[in-house]
Amino acid sequence: MGQDTLDKVRVSAGTASVLGLSRIASFDEPTSAYVMIGERCAHDCAFCAQARSSAAPGGQLSRVTWPEFSAHDLARALGAAAGAGRVQRACAQVVGAPGAFEKSIVAVRLLRSAVGSCVPVSVSFSATARIEHVEALMDAGAERVALPIDACNEQLYRDIKGGHDISRALGLIGECARRFPGRVSTHLIVGLGETEEEVVSLAASMYQQGVTVGLFAFTPLPGTRLAKRQPPGLNPYRRIQLCCYLLKRAFLGQAAGGPPSFQFSSGRLRGISLPRPVDGMAALWGDAFRTSGCPGCNRPYYNERPGQIPYNYPRPLTPAEIADAVAMALDGVELAATGPGSFGLAHSEPAGSDEGGSAR
């Protein structure tokens, strides 16, 4: 197969079911159509099934399987699903194999041709790219491009992302955000060894630049270098979700009175100060615990098996689920209203934190 054509394309198992290409039993269907371009990456991210050193099956990304179909059958089924309103977005997940950029251009054109003007097309591409790559993807029809950071501090980024430099990735994201406002996303993975404060601080920087943030929970996968690492606890994940939600609303102008401020002890969230009264607000925070990232993306079962409590709910939460999630998020956290102010991260000396500030 040449780099200027796509004969076969992998799609997520849930996408294949929604498009009528196969059938699987599922409680929650994906609202985006996900395709994977390339296989067996040239990079060596320690958590990834597609990493260079990974022994995981070739048709796997995160804990999702990706069966292969002809590009013709995919385009036909995707066009019908988009026209019928069964998908809200088409997303190409690009694996950094040789020829990945050229194939991703072809894939974007294929997806754009299939869905027409019905739904937007997005691409998840390596943050080691150049801005010319991002521009070309957008010229080919991508409404937005995601450049994943994944690891939330410099040392983790170097260790887990195969020796790459986080400053280069952050520089590319910042440049793209200025050049293509409102069209850039990134991904942050919780549970790689970072603190809650590091995730929130990095997310705040992204929101301040107009970059959309998608939160993911680390998922151990057999065959990867981090196969034996434990996933993060739900309580720290809920705290990070709530902080990111409050930041997003503030920087998008959806929250009255300005941004929140956060207080941390040993990297662990201990306080949230909001510029408005907090009575009754918790009941409105259900969206904080839903899948974050590109609009129209819900990624069901990306980080957990069906039947488990989701890290990221792929649907609206019930009142009981909201109450449980808020209780987890606010466990050991002081919530206060301080009046209009400016965003800040307040630090304090270690105080015998029961969780040590780690999001693990």
Protein backbone atom coordinates (compact mmCIF):
# COMPACT_ATOMS: atom_id res chain seq x y z
CA MET A 1 0.00 0.00 0.00
CA GLY A 2 1.42 3.40 -0.95
CA GLN A 3 1.58 6.31 1.41
CA ASP A 4 -0.86 8.26 -0.76
CA THR A 5 -3.61 5.65 -0.45
CA LEU A 6 -5.40 3.76 2.30
CA ASP A 7 -6.73 0.34 1.40
CA LYS A 8 -7.39 -0.85 4.95
CA VAL A 9 -8.22 1.14 8.08
CA ARG A 10 -8.51 0.05 11.70
CA VAL A 11 -11.49 1.37 13.66
CA SER A 12 -12.28 0.95 17.35
CA ALA A 13 -14.56 -1.97 18.19
CA GLY A 14 -17.25 0.41 19.45
CA THR A 15 -17.03 2.49 16.28
CA ALA A 16 -17.37 -0.61 14.14
CA SER A 17 -20.58 -1.47 15.99
CA VAL A 18 -22.05 2.04 15.68
CA LEU A 19 -21.25 2.09 11.95
CA GLY A 20 -22.83 -1.34 11.41
CA LEU A 21 -19.53 -2.92 10.35
CA SER A 22 -19.70 -5.43 13.23
CA ARG A 23 -21.73 -6.01 16.38
CA ILE A 24 -20.65 -5.96 20.00
CA ALA A 25 -22.68 -5.76 23.20
CA SER A 26 -22.23 -2.32 24.74
CA PHE A 27 -23.96 -0.25 27.39
CA ASP A 28 -22.56 3.01 26.04
CA GLU A 29 -21.77 3.68 22.39
CA PRO A 30 -19.04 6.05 21.21
CA THR A 31 -20.27 9.42 19.98
CA SER A 32 -17.14 9.83 17.83
CA ALA A 33 -16.00 7.52 15.07
CA TYR A 34 -12.40 6.54 15.88
CA VAL A 35 -9.94 5.27 13.28
CA MET A 36 -6.31 4.27 13.80
CA ILE A 37 -3.71 5.15 11.18
CA GLY A 38 -0.46 3.19 11.20
CA GLU A 39 0.78 0.39 13.39
CA ARG A 40 3.82 -0.14 15.67
CA CYS A 41 5.15 3.31 16.46
CA ALA A 42 8.70 4.53 15.97
CA HIS A 43 8.47 6.11 19.43
CA ASP A 44 8.58 4.14 22.68
CA CYS A 45 6.07 5.55 25.18
CA ALA A 46 6.09 3.22 28.18
CA PHE A 47 2.28 3.05 28.54
CA CYS A 48 1.36 2.52 24.89
CA ALA A 49 0.36 -0.74 23.23
CA GLN A 50 1.71 0.60 19.93
CA ALA A 51 5.14 1.54 21.33
CA ARG A 52 8.27 0.33 19.56
CA SER A 53 9.17 -2.11 22.36
CA SER A 54 5.61 -3.18 23.16
CA ALA A 55 4.65 -6.84 22.95
CA ALA A 56 0.92 -6.00 22.88
CA PRO A 57 -1.14 -7.07 19.84
CA GLY A 58 -0.90 -4.79 16.80
CA GLY A 59 -4.62 -4.11 16.75
CA GLN A 60 -4.78 -2.59 20.23
CA LEU A 61 -4.68 0.99 21.52
CA SER A 62 -5.24 1.58 25.23
CA ARG A 63 -7.52 -1.33 26.25
CA VAL A 64 -9.58 -1.06 23.05
CA THR A 65 -9.31 -3.46 20.10
CA TRP A 66 -9.31 -2.05 16.58
CA PRO A 67 -10.54 -4.44 13.86
CA GLU A 68 -9.56 -3.72 10.26
CA PHE A 69 -11.93 -2.86 7.40
CA SER A 70 -11.57 -1.65 3.87
CA ALA A 71 -11.36 2.11 3.48
CA HIS A 72 -14.28 1.94 1.04
CA ASP A 73 -16.55 0.16 3.53
CA LEU A 74 -15.53 2.57 6.30
CA ALA A 75 -16.24 5.65 4.19
CA ARG A 76 -19.65 4.36 3.14
CA ALA A 77 -20.71 3.40 6.67
CA LEU A 78 -19.29 6.58 8.23
CA GLY A 79 -21.09 8.80 5.74
CA ALA A 80 -24.39 7.10 6.52
CA ALA A 81 -23.86 7.33 10.28
CA ALA A 82 -22.87 11.00 10.15
CA GLY A 83 -25.88 11.83 7.96
CA ALA A 84 -28.18 10.05 10.40
CA GLY A 85 -26.71 11.84 13.43
CA ARG A 86 -25.26 8.69 15.00
CA VAL A 87 -21.77 10.21 15.37
CA GLN A 88 -20.77 13.73 16.39
CA ARG A 89 -17.13 13.65 15.29
CA ALA A 90 -14.65 11.59 13.27
CA CYS A 91 -11.21 11.22 14.85
CA ALA A 92 -7.99 9.78 13.42
CA GLN A 93 -5.56 8.38 16.00
CA VAL A 94 -2.18 8.49 14.25
CA VAL A 95 0.51 6.00 15.28
CA GLY A 96 4.01 7.37 14.60
CA ALA A 97 5.08 4.63 12.21
CA PRO A 98 7.13 5.37 9.05
CA GLY A 99 4.99 7.34 6.61
CA ALA A 100 2.52 8.31 9.35
CA PHE A 101 2.24 11.94 8.31
CA GLU A 102 1.51 11.16 4.67
CA LYS A 103 -1.05 8.51 5.63
CA SER A 104 -2.70 10.86 8.11
CA ILE A 105 -3.24 13.45 5.35
CA VAL A 106 -4.93 10.78 3.24
CA ALA A 107 -7.00 9.66 6.23
CA VAL A 108 -8.21 13.19 7.00
CA ARG A 109 -9.27 13.66 3.39
CA LEU A 110 -11.04 10.29 3.45
CA LEU A 111 -12.91 11.15 6.65
CA ARG A 112 -13.78 14.66 5.49
CA SER A 113 -15.08 13.32 2.18
CA ALA A 114 -17.14 10.68 3.97
CA VAL A 115 -18.83 12.97 6.50
CA GLY A 116 -19.07 16.09 4.36
CA SER A 117 -20.20 19.03 6.46
CA CYS A 118 -22.19 16.84 8.90
CA VAL A 119 -19.52 16.44 11.61
CA PRO A 120 -16.01 17.80 12.32
CA VAL A 121 -12.83 15.78 11.81
CA SER A 122 -10.00 15.75 14.33
CA VAL A 123 -6.54 14.19 14.41
CA SER A 124 -4.41 13.04 17.33
CA PHE A 125 -0.81 13.48 16.19
CA SER A 126 2.59 13.36 17.87
CA ALA A 127 3.74 16.42 19.82
CA THR A 128 7.18 15.80 18.27
CA ALA A 129 5.77 17.11 14.97
CA ARG A 130 6.46 20.49 13.37
CA ILE A 131 3.94 23.28 12.97
CA GLU A 132 4.00 22.66 9.21
CA HIS A 133 2.57 19.18 9.86
CA VAL A 134 -0.26 20.64 11.92
CA GLU A 135 -1.03 23.25 9.26
CA ALA A 136 -1.10 20.59 6.54
CA LEU A 137 -3.52 18.44 8.55
CA MET A 138 -5.84 21.40 9.00
CA ASP A 139 -5.56 22.29 5.31
CA ALA A 140 -6.55 18.69 4.51
CA GLY A 141 -9.78 19.11 6.48
CA ALA A 142 -9.04 18.66 10.19
CA GLU A 143 -11.16 20.95 12.37
CA ARG A 144 -8.70 20.47 15.23
CA VAL A 145 -5.45 18.66 16.01
CA ALA A 146 -4.57 17.07 19.36
CA LEU A 147 -0.90 17.09 20.39
CA PRO A 148 -0.68 14.84 23.47
CA ILE A 149 1.66 15.75 26.33
CA ASP A 150 0.61 12.70 28.39
CA ALA A 151 3.26 12.91 31.15
CA CYS A 152 2.87 15.99 33.36
CA ASN A 153 6.40 16.85 34.44
CA GLU A 154 9.79 17.05 32.77
CA GLN A 155 11.35 13.96 34.34
CA LEU A 156 8.33 11.74 33.74
CA TYR A 157 8.07 12.98 30.18
CA ARG A 158 11.69 12.05 29.50
CA ASP A 159 11.45 8.67 31.21
CA ILE A 160 8.06 7.59 29.88
CA LYS A 161 8.05 9.22 26.44
CA GLY A 162 11.29 7.64 25.25
CA GLY A 163 13.74 10.42 26.06
CA HIS A 164 11.86 13.30 24.43
CA ASP A 165 11.94 16.85 25.80
CA ILE A 166 8.71 18.27 27.24
CA SER A 167 9.77 21.85 26.51
CA ARG A 168 9.73 21.15 22.79
CA ALA A 169 6.21 19.71 22.98
CA LEU A 170 4.99 22.64 25.07
CA GLY A 171 6.58 25.06 22.63
CA LEU A 172 4.85 23.44 19.67
CA ILE A 173 1.47 23.45 21.44
CA GLY A 174 1.86 27.12 22.39
CA GLU A 175 2.85 28.09 18.84
CA CYS A 176 -0.08 26.15 17.37
CA ALA A 177 -2.49 27.66 19.91
CA ARG A 178 -1.47 31.16 18.84
CA ARG A 179 -1.60 30.38 15.14
CA PHE A 180 -4.76 28.25 15.17
CA PRO A 181 -6.87 29.56 18.08
CA GLY A 182 -9.57 27.22 19.32
CA ARG A 183 -8.33 24.34 17.16
CA VAL A 184 -5.67 22.71 19.35
CA SER A 185 -6.10 20.00 22.01
CA THR A 186 -3.79 18.02 24.24
CA HIS A 187 -4.02 14.90 26.42
CA LEU A 188 -2.87 14.51 30.02
CA ILE A 189 -2.57 11.08 31.64
CA VAL A 190 -3.18 10.84 35.39
CA GLY A 191 -1.41 8.09 37.33
CA LEU A 192 2.11 8.03 35.87
CA GLY A 193 3.74 9.27 39.08
CA GLU A 194 2.93 12.99 38.95
CA THR A 195 1.25 14.97 41.72
CA GLU A 196 -2.24 16.40 41.58
CA GLU A 197 -0.71 19.87 41.65
CA GLU A 198 1.43 19.15 38.59
CA VAL A 199 -1.58 18.02 36.55
CA VAL A 200 -3.70 21.00 37.60
CA SER A 201 -0.87 23.47 36.96
CA LEU A 202 -0.21 22.11 33.49
CA ALA A 203 -3.92 21.99 32.67
CA ALA A 204 -4.27 25.61 33.81
CA SER A 205 -1.46 26.63 31.48
CA MET A 206 -3.20 24.88 28.60
CA TYR A 207 -6.58 26.50 29.30
CA GLN A 208 -4.94 29.92 29.58
CA GLN A 209 -3.57 29.43 26.06
CA GLY A 210 -6.94 28.32 24.69
CA VAL A 211 -5.91 24.65 24.40
CA THR A 212 -8.57 22.00 25.03
CA VAL A 213 -7.53 19.37 27.62
CA GLY A 214 -8.52 15.72 27.52
CA LEU A 215 -7.92 13.85 30.80
CA PHE A 216 -7.07 10.16 30.70
CA ALA A 217 -6.50 7.66 33.50
CA PHE A 218 -3.37 5.55 33.17
CA THR A 219 -4.33 2.04 32.09
CA PRO A 220 -1.82 -0.82 32.56
CA LEU A 221 -1.62 -2.94 29.41
CA PRO A 222 0.03 -6.37 29.10
CA GLY A 223 3.11 -6.22 26.91
CA THR A 224 4.00 -2.60 27.74
CA ARG A 225 6.81 -1.35 29.98
CA LEU A 226 4.26 -0.13 32.56
CA ALA A 227 2.16 -3.30 32.54
CA LYS A 228 2.63 -3.84 36.29
CA ARG A 229 1.92 -0.28 37.37
CA GLN A 230 -1.37 0.30 39.19
CA PRO A 231 -3.98 2.67 37.76
CA PRO A 232 -4.78 5.86 39.71
CA GLY A 233 -7.26 5.91 42.56
CA LEU A 234 -10.69 7.33 41.87
CA ASN A 235 -10.48 9.97 44.64
CA PRO A 236 -7.39 11.78 43.31
CA TYR A 237 -8.71 11.44 39.77
CA ARG A 238 -12.02 13.05 40.81
CA ARG A 239 -10.13 15.93 42.47
CA ILE A 240 -8.18 16.59 39.29
CA GLN A 241 -11.33 16.36 37.18
CA LEU A 242 -13.10 18.93 39.35
CA CYS A 243 -10.15 21.35 39.23
CA CYS A 244 -9.90 21.05 35.45
CA TYR A 245 -13.63 21.56 35.05
CA LEU A 246 -13.59 24.71 37.17
CA LEU A 247 -10.59 26.02 35.24
CA LYS A 248 -12.17 25.30 31.88
CA ARG A 249 -15.39 27.09 32.81
CA ALA A 250 -13.45 30.08 34.10
CA PHE A 251 -11.18 30.48 31.10
CA LEU A 252 -14.06 29.96 28.67
CA GLY A 253 -15.99 32.71 30.44
CA GLN A 254 -18.70 30.30 31.63
CA ALA A 255 -18.22 30.98 35.35
CA ALA A 256 -19.23 34.23 36.99
CA GLY A 257 -16.64 36.13 38.99
CA GLY A 258 -13.42 34.82 37.47
CA PRO A 259 -11.22 31.76 37.93
CA PRO A 260 -10.83 29.65 41.08
CA SER A 261 -7.71 29.25 43.16
CA PHE A 262 -6.41 26.01 44.61
CA GLN A 263 -4.44 25.14 47.72
CA PHE A 264 -2.09 22.14 47.78
CA SER A 265 -0.12 20.39 50.47
CA SER A 266 2.67 18.04 49.36
CA GLY A 267 1.14 18.10 45.89
CA ARG A 268 -2.29 16.98 47.10
CA LEU A 269 -5.35 19.23 46.67
CA ARG A 270 -6.47 20.58 50.06
CA GLY A 271 -8.58 23.62 49.23
CA ILE A 272 -10.63 25.28 46.49
CA SER A 273 -11.54 28.96 46.65
CA LEU A 274 -14.31 30.14 44.35
CA PRO A 275 -15.31 33.73 43.55
CA ARG A 276 -18.98 33.09 44.29
CA PRO A 277 -21.14 31.35 46.93
CA VAL A 278 -20.76 27.58 46.92
CA ASP A 279 -24.08 26.52 48.45
CA GLY A 280 -25.81 24.08 46.12
CA MET A 281 -23.08 24.27 43.48
CA ALA A 282 -21.99 20.67 43.87
CA ALA A 283 -25.25 19.46 42.32
CA LEU A 284 -24.26 21.33 39.14
CA TRP A 285 -20.85 19.69 38.81
CA GLY A 286 -21.89 16.47 37.09
CA ASP A 287 -20.20 17.48 33.84
CA ALA A 288 -16.86 17.63 35.67
CA PHE A 289 -16.71 13.86 35.70
CA ARG A 290 -17.69 13.25 32.09
CA THR A 291 -15.19 12.60 29.31
CA SER A 292 -13.17 15.72 28.58
CA GLY A 293 -11.44 16.77 25.39
CA CYS A 294 -12.70 17.50 21.89
CA PRO A 295 -16.43 18.30 21.68
CA GLY A 296 -18.46 15.22 20.79
CA CYS A 297 -15.88 12.73 22.12
CA ASN A 298 -16.92 10.33 24.91
CA ARG A 299 -14.39 7.42 24.65
CA PRO A 300 -16.43 4.72 26.45
CA TYR A 301 -14.38 1.95 28.11
CA TYR A 302 -11.06 3.48 27.09
CA ASN A 303 -9.74 3.24 30.65
CA GLU A 304 -11.89 0.58 32.30
CA ARG A 305 -14.00 -2.47 31.60
CA PRO A 306 -17.80 -2.31 31.24
CA GLY A 307 -19.42 -2.56 34.66
CA GLN A 308 -16.64 -0.72 36.50
CA ILE A 309 -17.12 2.82 37.80
CA PRO A 310 -15.80 4.94 34.92
CA TYR A 311 -12.98 7.38 35.38
CA ASN A 312 -14.63 9.45 32.64
CA TYR A 313 -18.39 8.99 32.35
CA PRO A 314 -19.36 8.67 28.66
CA ARG A 315 -22.89 9.93 29.36
CA PRO A 316 -24.73 12.27 31.75
CA LEU A 317 -24.42 11.18 35.36
CA THR A 318 -27.38 10.25 37.52
CA PRO A 319 -27.97 12.35 40.69
CA ALA A 320 -26.57 9.50 42.78
CA GLU A 321 -23.46 9.27 40.59
CA ILE A 322 -22.94 13.04 40.86
CA ALA A 323 -23.22 12.87 44.64
CA ASP A 324 -20.69 10.01 44.83
CA ALA A 325 -18.23 11.71 42.46
CA VAL A 326 -18.44 15.06 44.28
CA ALA A 327 -17.91 13.31 47.62
CA MET A 328 -14.74 11.68 46.25
CA ALA A 329 -13.51 14.98 44.78
CA LEU A 330 -14.06 16.92 48.00
CA ASP A 331 -12.74 14.28 50.40
CA GLY A 332 -10.26 16.18 52.57
CA VAL A 333 -10.74 19.39 50.54
CA GLU A 334 -11.92 22.68 52.02
CA LEU A 335 -14.34 24.53 49.76
CA ALA A 336 -14.73 28.28 50.25
CA ALA A 337 -16.08 31.38 48.53
CA THR A 338 -13.65 34.30 48.57
CA GLY A 339 -15.18 36.82 46.16
CA PRO A 340 -13.73 37.92 42.81
CA GLY A 341 -10.04 37.19 42.45
CA SER A 342 -7.44 35.79 40.09
CA PHE A 343 -6.36 32.25 39.41
CA GLY A 344 -3.65 30.88 41.63
CA LEU A 345 -1.98 27.74 42.93
CA ALA A 346 -1.18 28.09 46.61
CA HIS A 347 1.53 25.88 48.10
CA SER A 348 2.12 24.87 51.69
CA GLU A 349 4.74 22.88 53.50
CA PRO A 350 4.30 19.09 53.80
CA ALA A 351 1.71 18.35 56.42
CA GLY A 352 1.72 14.59 56.77
CA SER A 353 -0.57 14.07 53.79
CA ASP A 354 -2.23 10.69 53.84
CA GLU A 355 -1.75 10.33 50.09
CA GLY A 356 1.54 12.13 49.59
CA GLY A 357 0.11 14.25 46.78
CA SER A 358 0.54 11.54 44.18
CA ALA A 359 -2.22 10.98 41.66
CA ARG A 360 -1.29 7.32 41.49
